[in-house]
């Protein structure tokens, strides 16, 4: 299962390649932010899917979505496991 999950930008890695490091429930991963409108900043919340930040979301929406995903249980844990295994 592939979920769109909230992630918070914790580091800007490469402006030219549009790469940033994000945190997803304690898992950190380098992702592509090229699909986002405007500049990306540390602290931004984004909706992450298959290594790409698809949209910027506000903190309230991010936390509510993460809470919902955590209540799903196993599908969310599997997604986090896949993120851990594929870290760049």
C-alpha atoms as a PDB file:
ATOM      1  CA  UNK A   1       0.000   0.000   0.000  1.00  0.00           C
ATOM      2  CA  UNK A   2       1.294   3.477  -0.786  1.00  0.00           C
ATOM      3  CA  UNK A   3      -0.086   6.260   1.340  1.00  0.00           C
ATOM      4  CA  UNK A   4       0.271  10.016   1.040  1.00  0.00           C
ATOM      5  CA  UNK A   5       1.776  10.780   4.428  1.00  0.00           C
ATOM      6  CA  UNK A   6       2.642  14.035   6.195  1.00  0.00           C
ATOM      7  CA  UNK A   7       6.321  14.834   6.613  1.00  0.00           C
ATOM      8  CA  UNK A   8       8.146  17.831   8.037  1.00  0.00           C
ATOM      9  CA  UNK A   9      11.133  19.335   6.237  1.00  0.00           C
ATOM     10  CA  UNK A  10      14.146  19.223   8.567  1.00  0.00           C
ATOM     11  CA  UNK A  11      16.961  20.117   6.161  1.00  0.00           C
ATOM     12  CA  UNK A  12      17.428  21.525   2.670  1.00  0.00           C
ATOM     13  CA  UNK A  13      19.952  19.230   0.977  1.00  0.00           C
ATOM     14  CA  UNK A  14      20.426  20.530  -2.575  1.00  0.00           C
ATOM     15  CA  UNK A  15      18.637  23.578  -4.010  1.00  0.00           C
ATOM     16  CA  UNK A  16      19.613  22.810  -7.605  1.00  0.00           C
ATOM     17  CA  UNK A  17      18.347  19.219  -7.468  1.00  0.00           C
ATOM     18  CA  UNK A  18      15.457  20.307  -5.211  1.00  0.00           C
ATOM     19  CA  UNK A  19      16.149  17.755  -2.508  1.00  0.00           C
ATOM     20  CA  UNK A  20      15.213  18.053   1.149  1.00  0.00           C
ATOM     21  CA  UNK A  21      15.405  15.790   4.175  1.00  0.00           C
ATOM     22  CA  UNK A  22      12.045  15.181   5.828  1.00  0.00           C
ATOM     23  CA  UNK A  23      10.925  13.520   9.028  1.00  0.00           C
ATOM     24  CA  UNK A  24       8.016  11.068   8.983  1.00  0.00           C
ATOM     25  CA  UNK A  25       7.198   9.934  12.523  1.00  0.00           C
ATOM     26  CA  UNK A  26      10.892   9.704  13.389  1.00  0.00           C
ATOM     27  CA  UNK A  27      12.029   8.281  10.038  1.00  0.00           C
ATOM     28  CA  UNK A  28      14.206  10.669   8.046  1.00  0.00           C
ATOM     29  CA  UNK A  29      14.372  10.457   4.291  1.00  0.00           C
ATOM     30  CA  UNK A  30      15.700  12.550   1.419  1.00  0.00           C
ATOM     31  CA  UNK A  31      12.883  13.487  -0.964  1.00  0.00           C
ATOM     32  CA  UNK A  32      12.322  15.542  -4.075  1.00  0.00           C
ATOM     33  CA  UNK A  33      10.446  18.832  -3.527  1.00  0.00           C
ATOM     34  CA  UNK A  34      10.364  19.972  -7.171  1.00  0.00           C
ATOM     35  CA  UNK A  35       6.578  19.546  -7.421  1.00  0.00           C
ATOM     36  CA  UNK A  36       5.895  22.149  -4.711  1.00  0.00           C
ATOM     37  CA  UNK A  37       4.962  25.711  -5.621  1.00  0.00           C
ATOM     38  CA  UNK A  38       7.356  28.308  -4.252  1.00  0.00           C
ATOM     39  CA  UNK A  39      10.393  27.812  -2.087  1.00  0.00           C
ATOM     40  CA  UNK A  40      10.616  25.071   0.490  1.00  0.00           C
ATOM     41  CA  UNK A  41      11.785  25.956   3.986  1.00  0.00           C
ATOM     42  CA  UNK A  42      12.858  24.005   7.037  1.00  0.00           C
ATOM     43  CA  UNK A  43       9.749  23.482   9.165  1.00  0.00           C
ATOM     44  CA  UNK A  44       7.350  23.192   6.217  1.00  0.00           C
ATOM     45  CA  UNK A  45       4.892  20.294   6.312  1.00  0.00           C
ATOM     46  CA  UNK A  46       4.417  18.400   3.064  1.00  0.00           C
ATOM     47  CA  UNK A  47       2.350  15.486   1.805  1.00  0.00           C
ATOM     48  CA  UNK A  48       4.802  12.762   0.778  1.00  0.00           C
ATOM     49  CA  UNK A  49       4.185   9.986  -1.752  1.00  0.00           C
ATOM     50  CA  UNK A  50       6.811   7.663  -3.253  1.00  0.00           C
ATOM     51  CA  UNK A  51       9.738   9.980  -2.532  1.00  0.00           C
ATOM     52  CA  UNK A  52       8.083  13.158  -3.791  1.00  0.00           C
ATOM     53  CA  UNK A  53       6.551  16.000  -1.815  1.00  0.00           C
ATOM     54  CA  UNK A  54       3.242  16.531  -3.626  1.00  0.00           C
ATOM     55  CA  UNK A  55       1.790  19.458  -1.700  1.00  0.00           C
ATOM     56  CA  UNK A  56       2.505  21.787   1.185  1.00  0.00           C
ATOM     57  CA  UNK A  57       0.050  21.363   4.063  1.00  0.00           C
ATOM     58  CA  UNK A  58      -0.399  23.232   7.324  1.00  0.00           C
ATOM     59  CA  UNK A  59       0.690  21.779  10.653  1.00  0.00           C
ATOM     60  CA  UNK A  60      -2.850  21.167  11.886  1.00  0.00           C
ATOM     61  CA  UNK A  61      -3.735  19.128   8.800  1.00  0.00           C
ATOM     62  CA  UNK A  62      -0.413  17.251   9.039  1.00  0.00           C
ATOM     63  CA  UNK A  63      -0.954  16.274  12.667  1.00  0.00           C
ATOM     64  CA  UNK A  64      -4.590  15.290  12.125  1.00  0.00           C
ATOM     65  CA  UNK A  65      -3.646  13.169   9.114  1.00  0.00           C
ATOM     66  CA  UNK A  66      -0.777  11.503  10.955  1.00  0.00           C
ATOM     67  CA  UNK A  67      -3.097  10.700  13.863  1.00  0.00           C
ATOM     68  CA  UNK A  68      -5.590   9.116  11.469  1.00  0.00           C
ATOM     69  CA  UNK A  69      -2.841   7.089   9.780  1.00  0.00           C
ATOM     70  CA  UNK A  70      -1.513   5.896  13.141  1.00  0.00           C
ATOM     71  CA  UNK A  71      -5.011   4.617  13.961  1.00  0.00           C
ATOM     72  CA  UNK A  72      -4.913   2.528  10.767  1.00  0.00           C
ATOM     73  CA  UNK A  73      -2.230   0.479  12.457  1.00  0.00           C
ATOM     74  CA  UNK A  74      -0.571  -2.102  10.248  1.00  0.00           C
ATOM     75  CA  UNK A  75      -0.827  -0.290   6.856  1.00  0.00           C
ATOM     76  CA  UNK A  76       0.871   2.783   8.349  1.00  0.00           C
ATOM     77  CA  UNK A  77       3.525   0.697  10.099  1.00  0.00           C
ATOM     78  CA  UNK A  78       4.238  -1.098   6.808  1.00  0.00           C
ATOM     79  CA  UNK A  79       4.637   2.235   5.049  1.00  0.00           C
ATOM     80  CA  UNK A  80       7.048   3.447   7.745  1.00  0.00           C
ATOM     81  CA  UNK A  81       8.953   0.174   7.405  1.00  0.00           C
ATOM     82  CA  UNK A  82       9.317   0.727   3.681  1.00  0.00           C
ATOM     83  CA  UNK A  83      10.574   4.261   4.304  1.00  0.00           C
ATOM     84  CA  UNK A  84      13.145   2.974   6.786  1.00  0.00           C
ATOM     85  CA  UNK A  85      14.336   0.323   4.341  1.00  0.00           C
ATOM     86  CA  UNK A  86      14.676   2.732   1.415  1.00  0.00           C
ATOM     87  CA  UNK A  87      16.342   5.659   3.170  1.00  0.00           C
ATOM     88  CA  UNK A  88      18.724   7.664   1.034  1.00  0.00           C
END
